[in-house]
Amino acid sequence: MAVRAVRGAVQLERDEAGHMDEQVGALLTAVLERNGLTPDDLISIWFTATPDLHSDFPAAAARKLGTGFADVPLICAQELEIEGAMPRVVRVLAHIESDRPRADIAHVYLGAAAALRKDIAQ
């Protein structure tokens, strides 16, 4: 079994904890589904959020997805504040165990966040 990394992002419409829960939940669910994963395949997840998001931690939203995430190490950090960057974005870098070749990993960019990485968004 190889260690792989999956990237993804979602742009929030507003900075509210409940909305963050929904959007981060949708992002993580899509990452798992599109890559045929379960929470047991997760090694760790690194979240970043743009500086304009203050309502909650993206990792807190992941914990609300259920017991499968209870043992997964999660951490949050703030993105650089770059002029002209897309606002209200949560990004994820998930380290996984998978037999899939690196080229077959599905990176997930939901909604407007697909514009961030047109080269790898699926």
PDB file of N, CA and C in Angstrom:
ATOM      1  N   MET A   1       0.851  -1.173   0.000  1.00  0.00           N
ATOM      2  CA  MET A   1       0.000   0.000   0.000  1.00  0.00           C
ATOM      3  C   MET A   1       0.898   1.238   0.000  1.00  0.00           C
ATOM      4  N   ALA A   2       0.612   2.166  -0.884  1.00  0.00           N
ATOM      5  CA  ALA A   2       1.408   3.390  -1.006  1.00  0.00           C
ATOM      6  C   ALA A   2       0.754   4.545  -0.250  1.00  0.00           C
ATOM      7  N   VAL A   3       1.569   5.507   0.111  1.00  0.00           N
ATOM      8  CA  VAL A   3       1.076   6.756   0.677  1.00  0.00           C
ATOM      9  C   VAL A   3       0.903   7.732  -0.478  1.00  0.00           C
ATOM     10  N   ARG A   4      -0.272   8.313  -0.570  1.00  0.00           N
ATOM     11  CA  ARG A   4      -0.597   9.288  -1.617  1.00  0.00           C
ATOM     12  C   ARG A   4      -1.153  10.539  -0.967  1.00  0.00           C
ATOM     13  N   ALA A   5      -1.235  11.616  -1.741  1.00  0.00           N
ATOM     14  CA  ALA A   5      -1.826  12.859  -1.264  1.00  0.00           C
ATOM     15  C   ALA A   5      -2.944  13.268  -2.211  1.00  0.00           C
ATOM     16  N   VAL A   6      -4.029  13.742  -1.630  1.00  0.00           N
ATOM     17  CA  VAL A   6      -5.169  14.224  -2.392  1.00  0.00           C
ATOM     18  C   VAL A   6      -5.391  15.678  -2.023  1.00  0.00           C
ATOM     19  N   ARG A   7      -5.544  16.513  -3.058  1.00  0.00           N
ATOM     20  CA  ARG A   7      -5.800  17.930  -2.825  1.00  0.00           C
ATOM     21  C   ARG A   7      -7.247  18.249  -3.125  1.00  0.00           C
ATOM     22  N   GLY A   8      -7.704  19.340  -2.550  1.00  0.00           N
ATOM     23  CA  GLY A   8      -9.046  19.795  -2.837  1.00  0.00           C
ATOM     24  C   GLY A   8      -9.286  21.169  -2.248  1.00  0.00           C
ATOM     25  N   ALA A   9     -10.392  21.777  -2.667  1.00  0.00           N
ATOM     26  CA  ALA A   9     -10.759  23.090  -2.146  1.00  0.00           C
ATOM     27  C   ALA A   9     -12.228  23.350  -2.404  1.00  0.00           C
ATOM     28  N   VAL A  10     -12.768  24.262  -1.617  1.00  0.00           N
ATOM     29  CA  VAL A  10     -14.133  24.724  -1.795  1.00  0.00           C
ATOM     30  C   VAL A  10     -14.178  26.194  -1.387  1.00  0.00           C
ATOM     31  N   GLN A  11     -14.971  26.968  -2.120  1.00  0.00           N
ATOM     32  CA  GLN A  11     -15.174  28.369  -1.755  1.00  0.00           C
ATOM     33  C   GLN A  11     -16.492  28.481  -1.005  1.00  0.00           C
ATOM     34  N   LEU A  12     -16.452  29.073   0.166  1.00  0.00           N
ATOM     35  CA  LEU A  12     -17.663  29.286   0.945  1.00  0.00           C
ATOM     36  C   LEU A  12     -18.384  30.534   0.446  1.00  0.00           C
ATOM     37  N   GLU A  13     -19.696  30.510   0.501  1.00  0.00           N
ATOM     38  CA  GLU A  13     -20.484  31.677   0.112  1.00  0.00           C
ATOM     39  C   GLU A  13     -20.473  32.732   1.201  1.00  0.00           C
ATOM     40  N   ARG A  14     -20.338  32.282   2.450  1.00  0.00           N
ATOM     41  CA  ARG A  14     -20.350  33.206   3.585  1.00  0.00           C
ATOM     42  C   ARG A  14     -19.561  32.585   4.737  1.00  0.00           C
ATOM     43  N   ASP A  15     -19.120  33.423   5.640  1.00  0.00           N
ATOM     44  CA  ASP A  15     -18.335  32.970   6.782  1.00  0.00           C
ATOM     45  C   ASP A  15     -19.250  32.693   7.969  1.00  0.00           C
ATOM     46  N   GLU A  16     -19.870  31.508   7.944  1.00  0.00           N
ATOM     47  CA  GLU A  16     -20.735  31.059   9.032  1.00  0.00           C
ATOM     48  C   GLU A  16     -20.375  29.613   9.352  1.00  0.00           C
ATOM     49  N   ALA A  17     -20.333  29.297  10.627  1.00  0.00           N
ATOM     50  CA  ALA A  17     -19.901  27.960  11.048  1.00  0.00           C
ATOM     51  C   ALA A  17     -20.736  26.852  10.414  1.00  0.00           C
ATOM     52  N   GLY A  18     -22.056  26.991  10.392  1.00  0.00           N
ATOM     53  CA  GLY A  18     -22.903  25.954   9.810  1.00  0.00           C
ATOM     54  C   GLY A  18     -22.638  25.761   8.328  1.00  0.00           C
ATOM     55  N   HIS A  19     -22.410  26.864   7.634  1.00  0.00           N
ATOM     56  CA  HIS A  19     -22.106  26.787   6.199  1.00  0.00           C
ATOM     57  C   HIS A  19     -20.743  26.123   5.984  1.00  0.00           C
ATOM     58  N   MET A  20     -19.778  26.452   6.852  1.00  0.00           N
ATOM     59  CA  MET A  20     -18.472  25.806   6.748  1.00  0.00           C
ATOM     60  C   MET A  20     -18.614  24.300   6.977  1.00  0.00           C
ATOM     61  N   ASP A  21     -19.399  23.914   7.963  1.00  0.00           N
ATOM     62  CA  ASP A  21     -19.628  22.486   8.218  1.00  0.00           C
ATOM     63  C   ASP A  21     -20.153  21.792   6.961  1.00  0.00           C
ATOM     64  N   GLU A  22     -21.149  22.394   6.321  1.00  0.00           N
ATOM     65  CA  GLU A  22     -21.749  21.805   5.121  1.00  0.00           C
ATOM     66  C   GLU A  22     -20.734  21.689   3.987  1.00  0.00           C
ATOM     67  N   GLN A  23     -20.004  22.753   3.731  1.00  0.00           N
ATOM     68  CA  GLN A  23     -19.101  22.789   2.588  1.00  0.00           C
ATOM     69  C   GLN A  23     -17.869  21.917   2.790  1.00  0.00           C
ATOM     70  N   VAL A  24     -17.292  21.949   3.978  1.00  0.00           N
ATOM     71  CA  VAL A  24     -16.137  21.089   4.262  1.00  0.00           C
ATOM     72  C   VAL A  24     -16.586  19.631   4.261  1.00  0.00           C
ATOM     73  N   GLY A  25     -17.763  19.362   4.801  1.00  0.00           N
ATOM     74  CA  GLY A  25     -18.304  18.002   4.763  1.00  0.00           C
ATOM     75  C   GLY A  25     -18.490  17.511   3.338  1.00  0.00           C
ATOM     76  N   ALA A  26     -19.026  18.381   2.474  1.00  0.00           N
ATOM     77  CA  ALA A  26     -19.217  18.010   1.068  1.00  0.00           C
ATOM     78  C   ALA A  26     -17.878  17.756   0.383  1.00  0.00           C
ATOM     79  N   LEU A  27     -16.879  18.580   0.694  1.00  0.00           N
ATOM     80  CA  LEU A  27     -15.551  18.417   0.095  1.00  0.00           C
ATOM     81  C   LEU A  27     -14.932  17.090   0.524  1.00  0.00           C
ATOM     82  N   LEU A  28     -14.936  16.805   1.803  1.00  0.00           N
ATOM     83  CA  LEU A  28     -14.326  15.561   2.278  1.00  0.00           C
ATOM     84  C   LEU A  28     -15.086  14.330   1.787  1.00  0.00           C
ATOM     85  N   THR A  29     -16.403  14.415   1.743  1.00  0.00           N
ATOM     86  CA  THR A  29     -17.194  13.307   1.218  1.00  0.00           C
ATOM     87  C   THR A  29     -16.850  13.052  -0.244  1.00  0.00           C
ATOM     88  N   ALA A  30     -16.709  14.117  -1.024  1.00  0.00           N
ATOM     89  CA  ALA A  30     -16.354  13.970  -2.437  1.00  0.00           C
ATOM     90  C   ALA A  30     -14.954  13.384  -2.598  1.00  0.00           C
ATOM     91  N   VAL A  31     -14.010  13.809  -1.762  1.00  0.00           N
ATOM     92  CA  VAL A  31     -12.651  13.255  -1.825  1.00  0.00           C
ATOM     93  C   VAL A  31     -12.688  11.750  -1.576  1.00  0.00           C
ATOM     94  N   LEU A  32     -13.420  11.337  -0.559  1.00  0.00           N
ATOM     95  CA  LEU A  32     -13.514   9.910  -0.252  1.00  0.00           C
ATOM     96  C   LEU A  32     -14.207   9.147  -1.380  1.00  0.00           C
ATOM     97  N   GLU A  33     -15.355   9.637  -1.817  1.00  0.00           N
ATOM     98  CA  GLU A  33     -16.123   8.922  -2.845  1.00  0.00           C
ATOM     99  C   GLU A  33     -15.371   8.818  -4.167  1.00  0.00           C
ATOM    100  N   ARG A  34     -14.794   9.915  -4.619  1.00  0.00           N
ATOM    101  CA  ARG A  34     -14.135   9.921  -5.931  1.00  0.00           C
ATOM    102  C   ARG A  34     -12.855   9.100  -5.961  1.00  0.00           C
ATOM    103  N   ASN A  35     -12.327   8.807  -4.778  1.00  0.00           N
ATOM    104  CA  ASN A  35     -11.103   8.011  -4.714  1.00  0.00           C
ATOM    105  C   ASN A  35     -11.338   6.627  -4.123  1.00  0.00           C
ATOM    106  N   GLY A  36     -12.596   6.270  -3.909  1.00  0.00           N
ATOM    107  CA  GLY A  36     -12.917   4.947  -3.373  1.00  0.00           C
ATOM    108  C   GLY A  36     -12.310   4.712  -2.004  1.00  0.00           C
ATOM    109  N   LEU A  37     -12.358   5.716  -1.140  1.00  0.00           N
ATOM    110  CA  LEU A  37     -11.722   5.650   0.173  1.00  0.00           C
ATOM    111  C   LEU A  37     -12.749   5.566   1.297  1.00  0.00           C
ATOM    112  N   THR A  38     -12.287   5.113   2.430  1.00  0.00           N
ATOM    113  CA  THR A  38     -13.043   5.191   3.671  1.00  0.00           C
ATOM    114  C   THR A  38     -12.184   5.990   4.652  1.00  0.00           C
ATOM    115  N   PRO A  39     -12.748   6.443   5.759  1.00  0.00           N
ATOM    116  CA  PRO A  39     -11.919   7.148   6.744  1.00  0.00           C
ATOM    117  C   PRO A  39     -10.720   6.331   7.228  1.00  0.00           C
ATOM    118  N   ASP A  40     -10.816   4.996   7.199  1.00  0.00           N
ATOM    119  CA  ASP A  40      -9.684   4.158   7.616  1.00  0.00           C
ATOM    120  C   ASP A  40      -8.481   4.307   6.693  1.00  0.00           C
ATOM    121  N   ASP A  41      -8.697   4.786   5.464  1.00  0.00           N
ATOM    122  CA  ASP A  41      -7.601   4.983   4.512  1.00  0.00           C
ATOM    123  C   ASP A  41      -6.871   6.302   4.729  1.00  0.00           C
ATOM    124  N   LEU A  42      -7.422   7.171   5.568  1.00  0.00           N
ATOM    125  CA  LEU A  42      -6.819   8.483   5.814  1.00  0.00           C
ATOM    126  C   LEU A  42      -5.681   8.378   6.818  1.00  0.00           C
ATOM    127  N   ILE A  43      -4.575   9.009   6.489  1.00  0.00           N
ATOM    128  CA  ILE A  43      -3.438   9.081   7.407  1.00  0.00           C
ATOM    129  C   ILE A  43      -3.523  10.375   8.207  1.00  0.00           C
ATOM    130  N   SER A  44      -3.715  11.496   7.503  1.00  0.00           N
ATOM    131  CA  SER A  44      -3.861  12.801   8.133  1.00  0.00           C
ATOM    132  C   SER A  44      -4.451  13.769   7.119  1.00  0.00           C
ATOM    133  N   ILE A  45      -4.977  14.880   7.641  1.00  0.00           N
ATOM    134  CA  ILE A  45      -5.520  15.922   6.772  1.00  0.00           C
ATOM    135  C   ILE A  45      -5.032  17.274   7.258  1.00  0.00           C
ATOM    136  N   TRP A  46      -4.531  18.036   6.307  1.00  0.00           N
ATOM    137  CA  TRP A  46      -4.068  19.404   6.549  1.00  0.00           C
ATOM    138  C   TRP A  46      -5.083  20.326   5.893  1.00  0.00           C
ATOM    139  N   PHE A  47      -5.682  21.219   6.674  1.00  0.00           N
ATOM    140  CA  PHE A  47      -6.625  22.205   6.158  1.00  0.00           C
ATOM    141  C   PHE A  47      -5.981  23.581   6.178  1.00  0.00           C
ATOM    142  N   THR A  48      -6.275  24.377   5.164  1.00  0.00           N
ATOM    143  CA  THR A  48      -5.947  25.793   5.235  1.00  0.00           C
ATOM    144  C   THR A  48      -7.208  26.579   4.928  1.00  0.00           C
ATOM    145  N   ALA A  49      -7.267  27.784   5.452  1.00  0.00           N
ATOM    146  CA  ALA A  49      -8.396  28.677   5.201  1.00  0.00           C
ATOM    147  C   ALA A  49      -7.838  30.062   4.908  1.00  0.00           C
ATOM    148  N   THR A  50      -8.512  30.770   4.024  1.00  0.00           N
ATOM    149  CA  THR A  50      -8.085  32.133   3.719  1.00  0.00           C
ATOM    150  C   THR A  50      -8.307  33.010   4.955  1.00  0.00           C
ATOM    151  N   PRO A  51      -7.561  34.110   5.056  1.00  0.00           N
ATOM    152  CA  PRO A  51      -7.620  34.946   6.264  1.00  0.00           C
ATOM    153  C   PRO A  51      -8.979  35.574   6.552  1.00  0.00           C
ATOM    154  N   ASP A  52      -9.897  35.549   5.594  1.00  0.00           N
ATOM    155  CA  ASP A  52     -11.213  36.149   5.812  1.00  0.00           C
ATOM    156  C   ASP A  52     -12.217  35.181   6.450  1.00  0.00           C
ATOM    157  N   LEU A  53     -11.792  33.962   6.764  1.00  0.00           N
ATOM    158  CA  LEU A  53     -12.668  32.987   7.420  1.00  0.00           C
ATOM    159  C   LEU A  53     -12.335  32.932   8.907  1.00  0.00           C
ATOM    160  N   HIS A  54     -13.331  33.228   9.740  1.00  0.00           N
ATOM    161  CA  HIS A  54     -13.135  33.304  11.194  1.00  0.00           C
ATOM    162  C   HIS A  54     -14.152  32.502  12.001  1.00  0.00           C
ATOM    163  N   SER A  55     -15.187  31.972  11.341  1.00  0.00           N
ATOM    164  CA  SER A  55     -16.316  31.412  12.074  1.00  0.00           C
ATOM    165  C   SER A  55     -16.022  30.089  12.781  1.00  0.00           C
ATOM    166  N   ASP A  56     -15.113  29.293  12.236  1.00  0.00           N
ATOM    167  CA  ASP A  56     -14.819  27.998  12.854  1.00  0.00           C
ATOM    168  C   ASP A  56     -13.574  27.397  12.207  1.00  0.00           C
ATOM    169  N   PHE A  57     -13.115  26.305  12.785  1.00  0.00           N
ATOM    170  CA  PHE A  57     -11.994  25.562  12.227  1.00  0.00           C
ATOM    171  C   PHE A  57     -12.525  24.542  11.218  1.00  0.00           C
ATOM    172  N   PRO A  58     -11.921  24.452  10.027  1.00  0.00           N
ATOM    173  CA  PRO A  58     -12.346  23.409   9.091  1.00  0.00           C
ATOM    174  C   PRO A  58     -12.223  22.004   9.693  1.00  0.00           C
ATOM    175  N   ALA A  59     -11.238  21.777  10.528  1.00  0.00           N
ATOM    176  CA  ALA A  59     -11.086  20.461  11.150  1.00  0.00           C
ATOM    177  C   ALA A  59     -12.281  20.125  12.039  1.00  0.00           C
ATOM    178  N   ALA A  60     -12.881  21.126  12.649  1.00  0.00           N
ATOM    179  CA  ALA A  60     -14.065  20.882  13.479  1.00  0.00           C
ATOM    180  C   ALA A  60     -15.206  20.347  12.615  1.00  0.00           C
ATOM    181  N   ALA A  61     -15.317  20.849  11.397  1.00  0.00           N
ATOM    182  CA  ALA A  61     -16.341  20.354  10.472  1.00  0.00           C
ATOM    183  C   ALA A  61     -16.077  18.890  10.123  1.00  0.00           C
ATOM    184  N   ALA A  62     -14.822  18.533   9.939  1.00  0.00           N
ATOM    185  CA  ALA A  62     -14.474  17.148   9.630  1.00  0.00           C
ATOM    186  C   ALA A  62     -14.859  16.226  10.778  1.00  0.00           C
ATOM    187  N   ARG A  63     -14.625  16.639  11.996  1.00  0.00           N
ATOM    188  CA  ARG A  63     -14.961  15.808  13.155  1.00  0.00           C
ATOM    189  C   ARG A  63     -16.458  15.531  13.222  1.00  0.00           C
ATOM    190  N   LYS A  64     -17.258  16.466  12.723  1.00  0.00           N
ATOM    191  CA  LYS A  64     -18.717  16.297  12.764  1.00  0.00           C
ATOM    192  C   LYS A  64     -19.220  15.273  11.750  1.00  0.00           C
ATOM    193  N   LEU A  65     -18.345  14.817  10.855  1.00  0.00           N
ATOM    194  CA  LEU A  65     -18.757  13.832   9.851  1.00  0.00           C
ATOM    195  C   LEU A  65     -18.978  12.453  10.443  1.00  0.00           C
ATOM    196  N   GLY A  66     -18.465  12.210  11.626  1.00  0.00           N
ATOM    197  CA  GLY A  66     -18.715  10.921  12.261  1.00  0.00           C
ATOM    198  C   GLY A  66     -17.478  10.323  12.884  1.00  0.00           C
ATOM    199  N   THR A  67     -17.669   9.149  13.449  1.00  0.00           N
ATOM    200  CA  THR A  67     -16.615   8.494  14.216  1.00  0.00           C
ATOM    201  C   THR A  67     -15.422   8.089  13.357  1.00  0.00           C
ATOM    202  N   GLY A  68     -15.598   7.933  12.067  1.00  0.00           N
ATOM    203  CA  GLY A  68     -14.479   7.549  11.211  1.00  0.00           C
ATOM    204  C   GLY A  68     -13.358   8.565  11.218  1.00  0.00           C
ATOM    205  N   PHE A  69     -13.666   9.803  11.571  1.00  0.00           N
ATOM    206  CA  PHE A  69     -12.659  10.856  11.586  1.00  0.00           C
ATOM    207  C   PHE A  69     -12.070  11.089  12.979  1.00  0.00           C
ATOM    208  N   ALA A  70     -12.547  10.368  13.975  1.00  0.00           N
ATOM    209  CA  ALA A  70     -12.104  10.586  15.350  1.00  0.00           C
ATOM    210  C   ALA A  70     -10.617  10.312  15.542  1.00  0.00           C
ATOM    211  N   ASP A  71     -10.063   9.341  14.811  1.00  0.00           N
ATOM    212  CA  ASP A  71      -8.667   8.963  14.992  1.00  0.00           C
ATOM    213  C   ASP A  71      -7.737   9.532  13.917  1.00  0.00           C
ATOM    214  N   VAL A  72      -8.278  10.349  13.022  1.00  0.00           N
ATOM    215  CA  VAL A  72      -7.474  10.915  11.941  1.00  0.00           C
ATOM    216  C   VAL A  72      -6.848  12.225  12.431  1.00  0.00           C
ATOM    217  N   PRO A  73      -5.521  12.345  12.405  1.00  0.00           N
ATOM    218  CA  PRO A  73      -4.898  13.604  12.794  1.00  0.00           C
ATOM    219  C   PRO A  73      -5.283  14.717  11.812  1.00  0.00           C
ATOM    220  N   LEU A  74      -5.776  15.824  12.362  1.00  0.00           N
ATOM    221  CA  LEU A  74      -6.200  16.971  11.562  1.00  0.00           C
ATOM    222  C   LEU A  74      -5.492  18.215  12.081  1.00  0.00           C
ATOM    223  N   ILE A  75      -5.186  19.119  11.166  1.00  0.00           N
ATOM    224  CA  ILE A  75      -4.582  20.387  11.580  1.00  0.00           C
ATOM    225  C   ILE A  75      -5.046  21.483  10.629  1.00  0.00           C
ATOM    226  N   CYS A  76      -5.152  22.698  11.159  1.00  0.00           N
ATOM    227  CA  CYS A  76      -5.568  23.855  10.359  1.00  0.00           C
ATOM    228  C   CYS A  76      -4.455  24.903  10.350  1.00  0.00           C
ATOM    229  N   ALA A  77      -4.394  25.627   9.246  1.00  0.00           N
ATOM    230  CA  ALA A  77      -3.450  26.737   9.111  1.00  0.00           C
ATOM    231  C   ALA A  77      -4.112  27.808   8.256  1.00  0.00           C
ATOM    232  N   GLN A  78      -3.537  28.983   8.283  1.00  0.00           N
ATOM    233  CA  GLN A  78      -4.064  30.088   7.491  1.00  0.00           C
ATOM    234  C   GLN A  78      -3.277  30.221   6.197  1.00  0.00           C
ATOM    235  N   GLU A  79      -4.000  30.425   5.100  1.00  0.00           N
ATOM    236  CA  GLU A  79      -3.376  30.686   3.801  1.00  0.00           C
ATOM    237  C   GLU A  79      -2.697  32.053   3.825  1.00  0.00           C
ATOM    238  N   LEU A  80      -1.762  32.242   2.927  1.00  0.00           N
ATOM    239  CA  LEU A  80      -1.162  33.556   2.755  1.00  0.00           C
ATOM    240  C   LEU A  80      -2.215  34.539   2.261  1.00  0.00           C
ATOM    241  N   GLU A  81      -2.096  35.772   2.677  1.00  0.00           N
ATOM    242  CA  GLU A  81      -3.023  36.810   2.223  1.00  0.00           C
ATOM    243  C   GLU A  81      -2.415  37.464   0.982  1.00  0.00           C
ATOM    244  N   ILE A  82      -2.836  36.999  -0.171  1.00  0.00           N
ATOM    245  CA  ILE A  82      -2.299  37.464  -1.446  1.00  0.00           C
ATOM    246  C   ILE A  82      -3.348  38.336  -2.129  1.00  0.00           C
ATOM    247  N   GLU A  83      -2.947  39.507  -2.568  1.00  0.00           N
ATOM    248  CA  GLU A  83      -3.859  40.421  -3.246  1.00  0.00           C
ATOM    249  C   GLU A  83      -4.442  39.745  -4.488  1.00  0.00           C
ATOM    250  N   GLY A  84      -5.754  39.816  -4.617  1.00  0.00           N
ATOM    251  CA  GLY A  84      -6.433  39.239  -5.768  1.00  0.00           C
ATOM    252  C   GLY A  84      -6.770  37.767  -5.637  1.00  0.00           C
ATOM    253  N   ALA A  85      -6.383  37.141  -4.531  1.00  0.00           N
ATOM    254  CA  ALA A  85      -6.675  35.718  -4.344  1.00  0.00           C
ATOM    255  C   ALA A  85      -8.169  35.515  -4.113  1.00  0.00           C
ATOM    256  N   MET A  86      -8.650  34.329  -4.460  1.00  0.00           N
ATOM    257  CA  MET A  86     -10.057  33.990  -4.253  1.00  0.00           C
ATOM    258  C   MET A  86     -10.374  34.046  -2.756  1.00  0.00           C
ATOM    259  N   PRO A  87     -11.454  34.719  -2.380  1.00  0.00           N
ATOM    260  CA  PRO A  87     -11.805  34.819  -0.957  1.00  0.00           C
ATOM    261  C   PRO A  87     -12.561  33.589  -0.458  1.00  0.00           C
ATOM    262  N   ARG A  88     -12.602  33.428   0.862  1.00  0.00           N
ATOM    263  CA  ARG A  88     -13.398  32.417   1.562  1.00  0.00           C
ATOM    264  C   ARG A  88     -13.163  30.996   1.060  1.00  0.00           C
ATOM    265  N   VAL A  89     -11.901  30.607   0.975  1.00  0.00           N
ATOM    266  CA  VAL A  89     -11.557  29.284   0.457  1.00  0.00           C
ATOM    267  C   VAL A  89     -10.974  28.408   1.564  1.00  0.00           C
ATOM    268  N   VAL A  90     -11.480  27.192   1.637  1.00  0.00           N
ATOM    269  CA  VAL A  90     -10.898  26.152   2.488  1.00  0.00           C
ATOM    270  C   VAL A  90     -10.230  25.158   1.550  1.00  0.00           C
ATOM    271  N   ARG A  91      -8.965  24.887   1.817  1.00  0.00           N
ATOM    272  CA  ARG A  91      -8.215  23.897   1.043  1.00  0.00           C
ATOM    273  C   ARG A  91      -7.898  22.706   1.932  1.00  0.00           C
ATOM    274  N   VAL A  92      -7.709  21.555   1.281  1.00  0.00           N
ATOM    275  CA  VAL A  92      -7.397  20.344   2.015  1.00  0.00           C
ATOM    276  C   VAL A  92      -6.252  19.615   1.311  1.00  0.00           C
ATOM    277  N   LEU A  93      -5.368  19.052   2.102  1.00  0.00           N
ATOM    278  CA  LEU A  93      -4.334  18.150   1.625  1.00  0.00           C
ATOM    279  C   LEU A  93      -4.441  16.910   2.506  1.00  0.00           C
ATOM    280  N   ALA A  94      -4.987  15.851   1.935  1.00  0.00           N
ATOM    281  CA  ALA A  94      -5.205  14.617   2.689  1.00  0.00           C
ATOM    282  C   ALA A  94      -4.147  13.595   2.306  1.00  0.00           C
ATOM    283  N   HIS A  95      -3.505  13.024   3.292  1.00  0.00           N
ATOM    284  CA  HIS A  95      -2.553  11.942   3.081  1.00  0.00           C
ATOM    285  C   HIS A  95      -3.311  10.639   3.279  1.00  0.00           C
ATOM    286  N   ILE A  96      -3.179   9.755   2.296  1.00  0.00           N
ATOM    287  CA  ILE A  96      -3.974   8.523   2.295  1.00  0.00           C
ATOM    288  C   ILE A  96      -3.098   7.305   2.024  1.00  0.00           C
ATOM    289  N   GLU A  97      -3.643   6.149   2.351  1.00  0.00           N
ATOM    290  CA  GLU A  97      -3.068   4.880   1.919  1.00  0.00           C
ATOM    291  C   GLU A  97      -3.920   4.376   0.764  1.00  0.00           C
ATOM    292  N   SER A  98      -3.282   4.089  -0.357  1.00  0.00           N
ATOM    293  CA  SER A  98      -4.035   3.666  -1.536  1.00  0.00           C
ATOM    294  C   SER A  98      -3.141   2.881  -2.481  1.00  0.00           C
ATOM    295  N   ASP A  99      -3.741   1.930  -3.180  1.00  0.00           N
ATOM    296  CA  ASP A  99      -3.032   1.200  -4.222  1.00  0.00           C
ATOM    297  C   ASP A  99      -3.140   1.900  -5.570  1.00  0.00           C
ATOM    298  N   ARG A 100      -3.915   2.973  -5.642  1.00  0.00           N
ATOM    299  CA  ARG A 100      -4.060   3.707  -6.905  1.00  0.00           C
ATOM    300  C   ARG A 100      -2.735   4.355  -7.300  1.00  0.00           C
ATOM    301  N   PRO A 101      -2.416   4.321  -8.584  1.00  0.00           N
ATOM    302  CA  PRO A 101      -1.249   5.084  -9.042  1.00  0.00           C
ATOM    303  C   PRO A 101      -1.489   6.579  -8.821  1.00  0.00           C
ATOM    304  N   ARG A 102      -0.443   7.311  -8.623  1.00  0.00           N
ATOM    305  CA  ARG A 102      -0.552   8.752  -8.380  1.00  0.00           C
ATOM    306  C   ARG A 102      -1.393   9.446  -9.449  1.00  0.00           C
ATOM    307  N   ALA A 103      -1.245   9.028 -10.693  1.00  0.00           N
ATOM    308  CA  ALA A 103      -1.976   9.648 -11.804  1.00  0.00           C
ATOM    309  C   ALA A 103      -3.480   9.402 -11.722  1.00  0.00           C
ATOM    310  N   ASP A 104      -3.905   8.402 -10.961  1.00  0.00           N
ATOM    311  CA  ASP A 104      -5.327   8.084 -10.853  1.00  0.00           C
ATOM    312  C   ASP A 104      -6.004   8.705  -9.636  1.00  0.00           C
ATOM    313  N   ILE A 105      -5.269   9.461  -8.850  1.00  0.00           N
ATOM    314  CA  ILE A 105      -5.863  10.136  -7.695  1.00  0.00           C
ATOM    315  C   ILE A 105      -6.750  11.272  -8.201  1.00  0.00           C
ATOM    316  N   ALA A 106      -7.978  11.337  -7.681  1.00  0.00           N
ATOM    317  CA  ALA A 106      -8.930  12.384  -8.076  1.00  0.00           C
ATOM    318  C   ALA A 106      -8.855  13.536  -7.088  1.00  0.00           C
ATOM    319  N   HIS A 107      -8.328  14.654  -7.535  1.00  0.00           N
ATOM    320  CA  HIS A 107      -8.287  15.875  -6.729  1.00  0.00           C
ATOM    321  C   HIS A 107      -9.628  16.579  -6.902  1.00  0.00           C
ATOM    322  N   VAL A 108     -10.156  17.132  -5.825  1.00  0.00           N
ATOM    323  CA  VAL A 108     -11.540  17.609  -5.826  1.00  0.00           C
ATOM    324  C   VAL A 108     -11.597  19.103  -5.529  1.00  0.00           C
ATOM    325  N   TYR A 109     -12.061  19.849  -6.497  1.00  0.00           N
ATOM    326  CA  TYR A 109     -12.256  21.289  -6.354  1.00  0.00           C
ATOM    327  C   TYR A 109     -13.715  21.580  -6.652  1.00  0.00           C
ATOM    328  N   LEU A 110     -14.472  21.921  -5.610  1.00  0.00           N
ATOM    329  CA  LEU A 110     -15.909  22.094  -5.745  1.00  0.00           C
ATOM    330  C   LEU A 110     -16.286  23.529  -6.088  1.00  0.00           C
ATOM    331  N   GLY A 111     -17.335  23.669  -6.878  1.00  0.00           N
ATOM    332  CA  GLY A 111     -17.881  24.980  -7.211  1.00  0.00           C
ATOM    333  C   GLY A 111     -16.845  25.906  -7.822  1.00  0.00           C
ATOM    334  N   ALA A 112     -16.856  27.141  -7.395  1.00  0.00           N
ATOM    335  CA  ALA A 112     -15.961  28.161  -7.944  1.00  0.00           C
ATOM    336  C   ALA A 112     -14.491  27.838  -7.702  1.00  0.00           C
ATOM    337  N   ALA A 113     -14.204  27.010  -6.698  1.00  0.00           N
ATOM    338  CA  ALA A 113     -12.815  26.657  -6.394  1.00  0.00           C
ATOM    339  C   ALA A 113     -12.169  25.852  -7.514  1.00  0.00           C
ATOM    340  N   ALA A 114     -12.961  25.311  -8.438  1.00  0.00           N
ATOM    341  CA  ALA A 114     -12.391  24.581  -9.578  1.00  0.00           C
ATOM    342  C   ALA A 114     -11.462  25.476 -10.391  1.00  0.00           C
ATOM    343  N   ALA A 115     -11.673  26.777 -10.338  1.00  0.00           N
ATOM    344  CA  ALA A 115     -10.820  27.715 -11.073  1.00  0.00           C
ATOM    345  C   ALA A 115      -9.409  27.789 -10.489  1.00  0.00           C
ATOM    346  N   LEU A 116      -9.223  27.330  -9.270  1.00  0.00           N
ATOM    347  CA  LEU A 116      -7.903  27.402  -8.628  1.00  0.00           C
ATOM    348  C   LEU A 116      -6.903  26.460  -9.276  1.00  0.00           C
ATOM    349  N   ARG A 117      -7.347  25.283  -9.676  1.00  0.00           N
ATOM    350  CA  ARG A 117      -6.453  24.274 -10.241  1.00  0.00           C
ATOM    351  C   ARG A 117      -7.136  23.556 -11.391  1.00  0.00           C
ATOM    352  N   LYS A 118      -7.349  24.257 -12.478  1.00  0.00           N
ATOM    353  CA  LYS A 118      -7.992  23.652 -13.644  1.00  0.00           C
ATOM    354  C   LYS A 118      -7.181  22.478 -14.180  1.00  0.00           C
ATOM    355  N   ASP A 119      -5.892  22.477 -13.882  1.00  0.00           N
ATOM    356  CA  ASP A 119      -5.025  21.409 -14.396  1.00  0.00           C
ATOM    357  C   ASP A 119      -5.243  20.071 -13.687  1.00  0.00           C
ATOM    358  N   ILE A 120      -5.725  20.089 -12.433  1.00  0.00           N
ATOM    359  CA  ILE A 120      -5.910  18.822 -11.721  1.00  0.00           C
ATOM    360  C   ILE A 120      -7.320  18.624 -11.177  1.00  0.00           C
ATOM    361  N   ALA A 121      -8.174  19.622 -11.264  1.00  0.00           N
ATOM    362  CA  ALA A 121      -9.539  19.485 -10.731  1.00  0.00           C
ATOM    363  C   ALA A 121     -10.297  18.425 -11.524  1.00  0.00           C
ATOM    364  N   GLN A 122     -11.011  17.577 -10.792  1.00  0.00           N
ATOM    365  CA  GLN A 122     -11.815  16.520 -11.435  1.00  0.00           C
ATOM    366  C   GLN A 122     -13.230  16.579 -10.933  1.00  0.00           C
TER     367      GLN A 122
END
